[in-house]
PDB file of N, CA and C in Angstrom:
ATOM      1  N   UNK A   1      36.426  40.143  25.828  1.00  0.00           N
ATOM      2  CA  UNK A   1      36.249  41.249  26.741  1.00  0.00           C
ATOM      3  C   UNK A   1      36.037  40.717  28.155  1.00  0.00           C
ATOM      4  N   UNK A   2      36.756  41.275  29.095  1.00  0.00           N
ATOM      5  CA  UNK A   2      36.626  40.867  30.485  1.00  0.00           C
ATOM      6  C   UNK A   2      35.464  41.620  31.126  1.00  0.00           C
ATOM      7  N   UNK A   3      34.641  40.917  31.856  1.00  0.00           N
ATOM      8  CA  UNK A   3      33.473  41.499  32.502  1.00  0.00           C
ATOM      9  C   UNK A   3      33.854  42.003  33.891  1.00  0.00           C
ATOM     10  N   UNK A   4      33.541  43.270  34.149  1.00  0.00           N
ATOM     11  CA  UNK A   4      33.793  43.851  35.466  1.00  0.00           C
ATOM     12  C   UNK A   4      32.725  43.355  36.434  1.00  0.00           C
ATOM     13  N   UNK A   5      33.142  42.963  37.627  1.00  0.00           N
ATOM     14  CA  UNK A   5      32.192  42.497  38.637  1.00  0.00           C
ATOM     15  C   UNK A   5      32.104  43.460  39.818  1.00  0.00           C
ATOM     16  N   UNK A   6      32.877  44.525  39.778  1.00  0.00           N
ATOM     17  CA  UNK A   6      32.826  45.544  40.830  1.00  0.00           C
ATOM     18  C   UNK A   6      32.492  46.888  40.186  1.00  0.00           C
ATOM     19  N   UNK A   7      31.755  47.687  40.927  1.00  0.00           N
ATOM     20  CA  UNK A   7      31.334  48.986  40.452  1.00  0.00           C
ATOM     21  C   UNK A   7      31.272  49.932  41.645  1.00  0.00           C
ATOM     22  N   UNK A   8      31.586  51.190  41.421  1.00  0.00           N
ATOM     23  CA  UNK A   8      31.491  52.191  42.478  1.00  0.00           C
ATOM     24  C   UNK A   8      30.134  52.868  42.354  1.00  0.00           C
ATOM     25  N   UNK A   9      29.298  52.701  43.374  1.00  0.00           N
ATOM     26  CA  UNK A   9      27.984  53.340  43.401  1.00  0.00           C
ATOM     27  C   UNK A   9      28.127  54.704  44.056  1.00  0.00           C
ATOM     28  N   UNK A  10      27.558  55.724  43.407  1.00  0.00           N
ATOM     29  CA  UNK A  10      27.546  57.084  43.943  1.00  0.00           C
ATOM     30  C   UNK A  10      26.114  57.459  44.289  1.00  0.00           C
ATOM     31  N   UNK A  11      25.880  57.790  45.538  1.00  0.00           N
ATOM     32  CA  UNK A  11      24.550  58.185  45.987  1.00  0.00           C
ATOM     33  C   UNK A  11      24.216  59.564  45.424  1.00  0.00           C
ATOM     34  N   UNK A  12      23.081  59.701  44.734  1.00  0.00           N
ATOM     35  CA  UNK A  12      22.718  61.009  44.174  1.00  0.00           C
ATOM     36  C   UNK A  12      22.263  62.008  45.241  1.00  0.00           C
ATOM     37  N   UNK A  13      21.952  61.520  46.439  1.00  0.00           N
ATOM     38  CA  UNK A  13      21.495  62.412  47.514  1.00  0.00           C
ATOM     39  C   UNK A  13      22.647  63.067  48.258  1.00  0.00           C
ATOM     40  N   UNK A  14      23.656  62.274  48.621  1.00  0.00           N
ATOM     41  CA  UNK A  14      24.738  62.820  49.455  1.00  0.00           C
ATOM     42  C   UNK A  14      26.118  62.747  48.801  1.00  0.00           C
ATOM     43  N   UNK A  15      26.227  62.042  47.669  1.00  0.00           N
ATOM     44  CA  UNK A  15      27.508  61.946  46.973  1.00  0.00           C
ATOM     45  C   UNK A  15      28.439  60.863  47.500  1.00  0.00           C
ATOM     46  N   UNK A  16      28.007  60.121  48.522  1.00  0.00           N
ATOM     47  CA  UNK A  16      28.841  59.039  49.078  1.00  0.00           C
ATOM     48  C   UNK A  16      29.118  57.988  48.006  1.00  0.00           C
ATOM     49  N   UNK A  17      30.349  57.503  47.966  1.00  0.00           N
ATOM     50  CA  UNK A  17      30.739  56.481  46.997  1.00  0.00           C
ATOM     51  C   UNK A  17      31.246  55.245  47.722  1.00  0.00           C
ATOM     52  N   UNK A  18      30.893  54.089  47.158  1.00  0.00           N
ATOM     53  CA  UNK A  18      31.392  52.830  47.726  1.00  0.00           C
ATOM     54  C   UNK A  18      31.497  51.805  46.615  1.00  0.00           C
ATOM     55  N   UNK A  19      32.616  51.068  46.607  1.00  0.00           N
ATOM     56  CA  UNK A  19      32.778  49.980  45.653  1.00  0.00           C
ATOM     57  C   UNK A  19      32.019  48.762  46.148  1.00  0.00           C
ATOM     58  N   UNK A  20      31.213  48.189  45.262  1.00  0.00           N
ATOM     59  CA  UNK A  20      30.401  47.032  45.602  1.00  0.00           C
ATOM     60  C   UNK A  20      30.595  45.929  44.563  1.00  0.00           C
ATOM     61  N   UNK A  21      30.423  44.701  45.008  1.00  0.00           N
ATOM     62  CA  UNK A  21      30.443  43.532  44.130  1.00  0.00           C
ATOM     63  C   UNK A  21      29.064  43.418  43.488  1.00  0.00           C
ATOM     64  N   UNK A  22      29.027  43.287  42.171  1.00  0.00           N
ATOM     65  CA  UNK A  22      27.752  43.161  41.468  1.00  0.00           C
ATOM     66  C   UNK A  22      27.350  41.703  41.356  1.00  0.00           C
ATOM     67  N   UNK A  23      26.063  41.410  41.518  1.00  0.00           N
ATOM     68  CA  UNK A  23      25.610  40.038  41.280  1.00  0.00           C
ATOM     69  C   UNK A  23      25.732  39.724  39.789  1.00  0.00           C
ATOM     70  N   UNK A  24      26.141  38.514  39.469  1.00  0.00           N
ATOM     71  CA  UNK A  24      26.323  38.163  38.054  1.00  0.00           C
ATOM     72  C   UNK A  24      25.105  37.455  37.479  1.00  0.00           C
ATOM     73  N   UNK A  25      24.247  36.908  38.321  1.00  0.00           N
ATOM     74  CA  UNK A  25      23.110  36.158  37.818  1.00  0.00           C
ATOM     75  C   UNK A  25      21.769  36.811  38.073  1.00  0.00           C
ATOM     76  N   UNK A  26      21.776  38.043  38.580  1.00  0.00           N
ATOM     77  CA  UNK A  26      20.522  38.735  38.878  1.00  0.00           C
ATOM     78  C   UNK A  26      20.787  40.235  38.935  1.00  0.00           C
ATOM     79  N   UNK A  27      19.706  40.986  38.855  1.00  0.00           N
ATOM     80  CA  UNK A  27      19.822  42.435  38.984  1.00  0.00           C
ATOM     81  C   UNK A  27      19.623  42.831  40.443  1.00  0.00           C
ATOM     82  N   UNK A  28      20.221  43.938  40.816  1.00  0.00           N
ATOM     83  CA  UNK A  28      20.001  44.477  42.157  1.00  0.00           C
ATOM     84  C   UNK A  28      19.138  45.714  41.993  1.00  0.00           C
ATOM     85  N   UNK A  29      17.895  45.597  42.427  1.00  0.00           N
ATOM     86  CA  UNK A  29      16.927  46.664  42.209  1.00  0.00           C
ATOM     87  C   UNK A  29      16.993  47.737  43.294  1.00  0.00           C
ATOM     88  N   UNK A  30      17.351  47.374  44.516  1.00  0.00           N
ATOM     89  CA  UNK A  30      17.439  48.333  45.617  1.00  0.00           C
ATOM     90  C   UNK A  30      18.855  48.370  46.168  1.00  0.00           C
ATOM     91  N   UNK A  31      19.255  49.557  46.655  1.00  0.00           N
ATOM     92  CA  UNK A  31      20.555  49.717  47.307  1.00  0.00           C
ATOM     93  C   UNK A  31      20.386  50.813  48.348  1.00  0.00           C
ATOM     94  N   UNK A  32      20.810  50.543  49.583  1.00  0.00           N
ATOM     95  CA  UNK A  32      20.720  51.552  50.635  1.00  0.00           C
ATOM     96  C   UNK A  32      22.085  52.188  50.858  1.00  0.00           C
ATOM     97  N   UNK A  33      22.144  53.509  50.729  1.00  0.00           N
ATOM     98  CA  UNK A  33      23.382  54.241  50.978  1.00  0.00           C
ATOM     99  C   UNK A  33      23.719  54.128  52.460  1.00  0.00           C
ATOM    100  N   UNK A  34      24.945  53.703  52.754  1.00  0.00           N
ATOM    101  CA  UNK A  34      25.339  53.539  54.153  1.00  0.00           C
ATOM    102  C   UNK A  34      25.602  54.873  54.846  1.00  0.00           C
ATOM    103  N   UNK A  35      25.718  55.954  54.071  1.00  0.00           N
ATOM    104  CA  UNK A  35      25.985  57.265  54.659  1.00  0.00           C
ATOM    105  C   UNK A  35      24.699  57.994  55.060  1.00  0.00           C
ATOM    106  N   UNK A  36      23.720  58.065  54.138  1.00  0.00           N
ATOM    107  CA  UNK A  36      22.505  58.839  54.420  1.00  0.00           C
ATOM    108  C   UNK A  36      21.242  57.972  54.507  1.00  0.00           C
ATOM    109  N   UNK A  37      21.403  56.657  54.299  1.00  0.00           N
ATOM    110  CA  UNK A  37      20.305  55.689  54.395  1.00  0.00           C
ATOM    111  C   UNK A  37      19.206  55.862  53.341  1.00  0.00           C
ATOM    112  N   UNK A  38      19.514  56.578  52.267  1.00  0.00           N
ATOM    113  CA  UNK A  38      18.567  56.693  51.159  1.00  0.00           C
ATOM    114  C   UNK A  38      18.528  55.360  50.416  1.00  0.00           C
ATOM    115  N   UNK A  39      17.332  54.895  50.085  1.00  0.00           N
ATOM    116  CA  UNK A  39      17.183  53.683  49.300  1.00  0.00           C
ATOM    117  C   UNK A  39      17.135  54.072  47.824  1.00  0.00           C
ATOM    118  N   UNK A  40      18.115  53.603  47.072  1.00  0.00           N
ATOM    119  CA  UNK A  40      18.185  53.905  45.646  1.00  0.00           C
ATOM    120  C   UNK A  40      17.431  52.850  44.860  1.00  0.00           C
ATOM    121  N   UNK A  41      16.762  53.291  43.807  1.00  0.00           N
ATOM    122  CA  UNK A  41      16.094  52.411  42.845  1.00  0.00           C
ATOM    123  C   UNK A  41      16.584  52.823  41.463  1.00  0.00           C
ATOM    124  N   UNK A  42      16.563  51.915  40.498  1.00  0.00           N
ATOM    125  CA  UNK A  42      17.036  52.264  39.153  1.00  0.00           C
ATOM    126  C   UNK A  42      16.237  53.418  38.548  1.00  0.00           C
ATOM    127  N   UNK A  43      16.917  54.204  37.735  1.00  0.00           N
ATOM    128  CA  UNK A  43      16.241  55.253  36.974  1.00  0.00           C
ATOM    129  C   UNK A  43      15.377  54.588  35.909  1.00  0.00           C
ATOM    130  N   UNK A  44      14.423  55.329  35.398  1.00  0.00           N
ATOM    131  CA  UNK A  44      13.557  54.804  34.345  1.00  0.00           C
ATOM    132  C   UNK A  44      14.406  54.329  33.176  1.00  0.00           C
ATOM    133  N   UNK A  45      14.074  53.190  32.620  1.00  0.00           N
ATOM    134  CA  UNK A  45      14.766  52.547  31.501  1.00  0.00           C
ATOM    135  C   UNK A  45      16.076  51.869  31.885  1.00  0.00           C
ATOM    136  N   UNK A  46      16.460  51.891  33.159  1.00  0.00           N
ATOM    137  CA  UNK A  46      17.632  51.137  33.619  1.00  0.00           C
ATOM    138  C   UNK A  46      17.134  49.886  34.343  1.00  0.00           C
ATOM    139  N   UNK A  47      17.930  48.820  34.290  1.00  0.00           N
ATOM    140  CA  UNK A  47      17.497  47.556  34.881  1.00  0.00           C
ATOM    141  C   UNK A  47      17.881  47.406  36.344  1.00  0.00           C
ATOM    142  N   UNK A  48      18.903  48.134  36.791  1.00  0.00           N
ATOM    143  CA  UNK A  48      19.358  47.950  38.166  1.00  0.00           C
ATOM    144  C   UNK A  48      20.086  49.190  38.671  1.00  0.00           C
ATOM    145  N   UNK A  49      20.404  49.202  39.964  1.00  0.00           N
ATOM    146  CA  UNK A  49      21.068  50.364  40.556  1.00  0.00           C
ATOM    147  C   UNK A  49      22.482  50.560  40.013  1.00  0.00           C
ATOM    148  N   UNK A  50      23.129  49.483  39.579  1.00  0.00           N
ATOM    149  CA  UNK A  50      24.478  49.640  39.026  1.00  0.00           C
ATOM    150  C   UNK A  50      24.443  50.358  37.684  1.00  0.00           C
ATOM    151  N   UNK A  51      23.420  50.074  36.876  1.00  0.00           N
ATOM    152  CA  UNK A  51      23.295  50.756  35.586  1.00  0.00           C
ATOM    153  C   UNK A  51      22.946  52.232  35.773  1.00  0.00           C
ATOM    154  N   UNK A  52      22.249  52.563  36.866  1.00  0.00           N
ATOM    155  CA  UNK A  52      21.847  53.947  37.120  1.00  0.00           C
ATOM    156  C   UNK A  52      22.899  54.754  37.876  1.00  0.00           C
ATOM    157  N   UNK A  53      23.526  54.163  38.883  1.00  0.00           N
ATOM    158  CA  UNK A  53      24.385  54.922  39.788  1.00  0.00           C
ATOM    159  C   UNK A  53      25.810  54.393  39.900  1.00  0.00           C
ATOM    160  N   UNK A  54      26.123  53.336  39.173  1.00  0.00           N
ATOM    161  CA  UNK A  54      27.445  52.731  39.275  1.00  0.00           C
ATOM    162  C   UNK A  54      28.424  53.241  38.233  1.00  0.00           C
ATOM    163  N   UNK A  55      29.676  52.987  38.491  1.00  0.00           N
ATOM    164  CA  UNK A  55      30.732  53.360  37.537  1.00  0.00           C
ATOM    165  C   UNK A  55      30.807  52.364  36.388  1.00  0.00           C
ATOM    166  N   UNK A  56      30.230  51.186  36.571  1.00  0.00           N
ATOM    167  CA  UNK A  56      30.159  50.140  35.540  1.00  0.00           C
ATOM    168  C   UNK A  56      28.740  49.617  35.476  1.00  0.00           C
ATOM    169  N   UNK A  57      28.293  49.284  34.281  1.00  0.00           N
ATOM    170  CA  UNK A  57      26.982  48.649  34.125  1.00  0.00           C
ATOM    171  C   UNK A  57      27.048  47.225  34.650  1.00  0.00           C
ATOM    172  N   UNK A  58      25.892  46.646  34.920  1.00  0.00           N
ATOM    173  CA  UNK A  58      25.846  45.278  35.442  1.00  0.00           C
ATOM    174  C   UNK A  58      26.391  44.284  34.410  1.00  0.00           C
ATOM    175  N   UNK A  59      26.849  43.109  34.868  1.00  0.00           N
ATOM    176  CA  UNK A  59      27.447  42.130  33.957  1.00  0.00           C
ATOM    177  C   UNK A  59      26.588  41.751  32.740  1.00  0.00           C
ATOM    178  N   UNK A  60      25.274  41.500  32.879  1.00  0.00           N
ATOM    179  CA  UNK A  60      24.503  41.179  31.669  1.00  0.00           C
ATOM    180  C   UNK A  60      24.515  42.302  30.620  1.00  0.00           C
ATOM    181  N   UNK A  61      24.416  43.537  31.059  1.00  0.00           N
ATOM    182  CA  UNK A  61      24.447  44.666  30.124  1.00  0.00           C
ATOM    183  C   UNK A  61      25.831  44.786  29.480  1.00  0.00           C
ATOM    184  N   UNK A  62      26.882  44.534  30.251  1.00  0.00           N
ATOM    185  CA  UNK A  62      28.234  44.565  29.692  1.00  0.00           C
ATOM    186  C   UNK A  62      28.384  43.527  28.565  1.00  0.00           C
ATOM    187  N   UNK A  63      27.629  42.428  28.662  1.00  0.00           N
ATOM    188  CA  UNK A  63      27.706  41.362  27.674  1.00  0.00           C
ATOM    189  C   UNK A  63      26.656  41.512  26.565  1.00  0.00           C
ATOM    190  N   UNK A  64      25.980  42.682  26.528  1.00  0.00           N
ATOM    191  CA  UNK A  64      24.929  42.959  25.553  1.00  0.00           C
ATOM    192  C   UNK A  64      23.812  41.922  25.624  1.00  0.00           C
ATOM    193  N   UNK A  65      23.476  41.505  26.836  1.00  0.00           N
ATOM    194  CA  UNK A  65      22.391  40.565  27.041  1.00  0.00           C
ATOM    195  C   UNK A  65      21.223  41.277  27.710  1.00  0.00           C
ATOM    196  N   UNK A  66      20.045  40.694  27.577  1.00  0.00           N
ATOM    197  CA  UNK A  66      18.901  41.234  28.303  1.00  0.00           C
ATOM    198  C   UNK A  66      19.138  41.036  29.784  1.00  0.00           C
ATOM    199  N   UNK A  67      18.799  42.026  30.529  1.00  0.00           N
ATOM    200  CA  UNK A  67      18.989  41.963  31.967  1.00  0.00           C
ATOM    201  C   UNK A  67      17.635  41.810  32.632  1.00  0.00           C
ATOM    202  N   UNK A  68      17.560  40.931  33.601  1.00  0.00           N
ATOM    203  CA  UNK A  68      16.371  40.713  34.418  1.00  0.00           C
ATOM    204  C   UNK A  68      15.207  40.274  33.575  1.00  0.00           C
TER     205      UNK A  68
END
């Protein structure tokens, strides 16, 4: 299985979408929307902003590994 390294993050406040490169060796806990400047944090039980707001889960989760 090929691991996706890009994900489209959708801001829950304004709906802005942007494709971002995901870190492969760490989780990204914060993300600032460039449209409305809202700082996103993972939802409860998610390890990172990509798992909560992205079109693809982070690489460790895609590989069924513990994240962070």
